[in-house]
Every structure is written in C-alpha cells, then in structure tokens.
Protein backbone atom coordinates (compact mmCIF):
# COMPACT_ATOMS: atom_id res chain seq x y z
CA MET A 1 -9.62 53.87 -3.91
CA ILE A 2 -11.94 51.48 -6.51
CA LEU A 3 -8.37 51.09 -8.30
CA ASP A 4 -7.10 50.18 -4.88
CA LYS A 5 -9.40 47.17 -4.65
CA THR A 6 -8.43 45.95 -8.10
CA ILE A 7 -5.22 46.28 -7.09
CA ALA A 8 -5.31 44.01 -4.32
CA ALA A 9 -6.77 42.00 -5.81
CA ARG A 10 -4.48 41.10 -8.69
CA LEU A 11 -1.85 41.08 -6.41
CA ARG A 12 -3.91 38.54 -4.39
CA LEU A 13 -4.49 36.38 -7.68
CA VAL A 14 -0.53 36.55 -8.62
CA LEU A 15 0.41 35.35 -5.09
CA LEU A 16 -1.99 32.53 -4.88
CA ALA A 17 -0.89 31.66 -8.64
CA CYS A 18 3.18 31.78 -7.71
CA GLY A 19 2.20 30.00 -4.81
CA MET A 20 0.61 27.13 -6.95
CA PHE A 21 3.21 26.68 -9.09
CA MET A 22 6.00 26.93 -6.52
CA GLY A 23 4.21 23.71 -5.07
CA ALA A 24 3.98 21.89 -8.31
CA GLY A 25 7.99 22.54 -8.85
CA ALA A 26 8.40 21.08 -5.07
CA ALA A 27 5.85 17.52 -5.97
CA ALA A 28 7.95 17.58 -9.20
CA GLN A 29 10.99 16.69 -7.80
CA ASP A 30 9.43 13.85 -4.92
CA GLN A 31 8.14 11.81 -8.07
CA VAL A 32 9.52 7.97 -8.76
CA PRO A 33 12.00 7.78 -11.49
CA THR A 34 10.06 6.32 -14.76
CA ASP A 35 12.36 2.95 -14.90
CA LYS A 36 11.88 2.32 -10.54
CA ALA A 37 7.79 3.56 -11.06
CA ALA A 38 7.32 0.69 -13.52
CA VAL A 39 9.39 -1.59 -11.22
CA LEU A 40 7.26 -1.06 -8.37
CA PHE A 41 3.68 -1.05 -10.65
CA GLY A 42 4.72 -4.60 -11.46
CA ALA A 43 5.65 -6.21 -8.25
CA ARG A 44 3.77 -8.41 -6.20
CA GLU A 45 2.53 -7.56 -2.38
CA SER A 46 4.19 -8.92 0.19
CA VAL A 47 0.74 -9.96 2.26
CA GLN A 48 -2.26 -10.15 -0.63
CA ASP A 49 -4.65 -10.67 2.88
CA ILE A 50 -4.36 -10.76 6.35
CA SER A 51 -6.92 -12.12 9.37
CA LEU A 52 -7.12 -12.29 12.69
CA SER A 53 -8.39 -14.90 14.82
CA PRO A 54 -11.48 -14.65 17.03
CA SER A 55 -9.69 -14.80 20.28
CA GLY A 56 -7.33 -12.18 18.54
CA ASN A 57 -3.69 -15.03 19.59
CA LYS A 58 -3.60 -15.66 16.13
CA ILE A 59 -2.75 -14.15 12.20
CA ALA A 60 -2.68 -16.00 9.13
CA PHE A 61 -1.56 -13.89 5.88
CA ILE A 62 -0.97 -14.71 2.76
CA SER A 63 2.24 -13.43 1.17
CA ALA A 64 3.94 -13.51 -2.56
CA GLY A 65 5.73 -17.22 -3.37
CA PRO A 66 8.31 -17.84 -5.84
CA GLY A 67 7.17 -17.56 -9.11
CA ASN A 68 2.93 -17.59 -9.36
CA SER A 69 2.50 -19.46 -6.19
CA GLU A 70 1.05 -18.02 -2.71
CA VAL A 71 1.71 -18.70 0.39
CA LEU A 72 -0.28 -19.06 3.52
CA ASN A 73 1.44 -18.33 6.81
CA LEU A 74 0.62 -18.54 10.84
CA ILE A 75 1.89 -16.45 13.84
CA ASP A 76 0.72 -17.61 16.63
CA PHE A 77 1.43 -15.11 19.35
CA GLY A 78 0.66 -17.60 22.50
CA GLY A 79 3.22 -19.90 21.11
CA ALA A 80 6.71 -18.86 19.54
CA ALA A 81 5.00 -16.29 17.69
CA GLN A 82 7.14 -17.17 14.70
CA ILE A 83 5.73 -17.37 10.95
CA VAL A 84 5.30 -20.90 10.19
CA LYS A 85 4.53 -21.83 6.69
CA PHE A 86 1.62 -23.01 6.88
CA PHE A 87 0.12 -24.31 2.60
CA ALA A 88 1.32 -23.09 -0.48
CA GLN A 89 -0.63 -23.01 -3.53
CA THR A 90 1.17 -23.40 -7.16
CA ASP A 91 -1.20 -23.89 -9.46
CA VAL A 92 -0.05 -20.89 -12.33
CA PHE A 93 -4.34 -20.77 -12.94
CA THR A 94 -5.82 -20.69 -9.35
CA ASP A 95 -4.99 -18.17 -6.77
CA LEU A 96 -5.29 -18.34 -2.90
CA ASP A 97 -6.11 -14.73 -2.80
CA TRP A 98 -8.05 -14.43 1.02
CA CYS A 99 -8.14 -15.88 4.61
CA ARG A 100 -10.52 -16.34 6.42
CA TRP A 101 -11.23 -18.46 10.52
CA ALA A 102 -13.66 -20.72 10.57
CA ALA A 103 -12.74 -21.80 13.85
CA CYS A 104 -10.44 -20.83 16.61
CA SER A 105 -8.34 -23.57 18.22
C-alpha cells in the first residue's frame, strides 16, 4: 500500500514536469525573432502621453514626430473629431513628454 502511494506521487511529479516542459516549448514558439525584437525595442511610442479634458469633449495627446520631435495633437469630439496638430517641439535637447488641461473652453 505504501509503495502504491509513493509510485502515485512520483507519477504526479513526472506528469507535472512534462506539463511544464510542454508549456515552455509552446511559449518559445511565440517569441519574436531577435532582429525584429531589436527594432521594436528601439521604436518610439506612438502616443507618449494623453489627457482627457475636464468636459470630456476633447483629447490632447503627444505623439512622436519626425526625427527627434514630438507633436501635441488635439481632437475635439464636439466638432469635426479630427486630429489637429497643435504644437511641434523640434529641439533635440528638450522633450515634450506630458500634457494636462489648465481649463476647459
């Protein structure tokens, strides 16, 4: 009877280990190739910051511009709901990295 419990415990352990190895193999297949991962790692974010106006009718967001620039964009949902480029920061030594609403008008 004790032998049966020991064998059952060992069998469970072996099955658990097999399941872990099978899961690791499936995860390895989903990995991004190294060259593509390097490009994705070095890419700039599409949206660096976003802010909803107090009224909820407008959104301001900062996106990556050409080169090292950042662009502040606005969307007015009360109007045409199109992206309007409001301001562009092109200086290499400064970054436009956050946006907030002072008041809603």
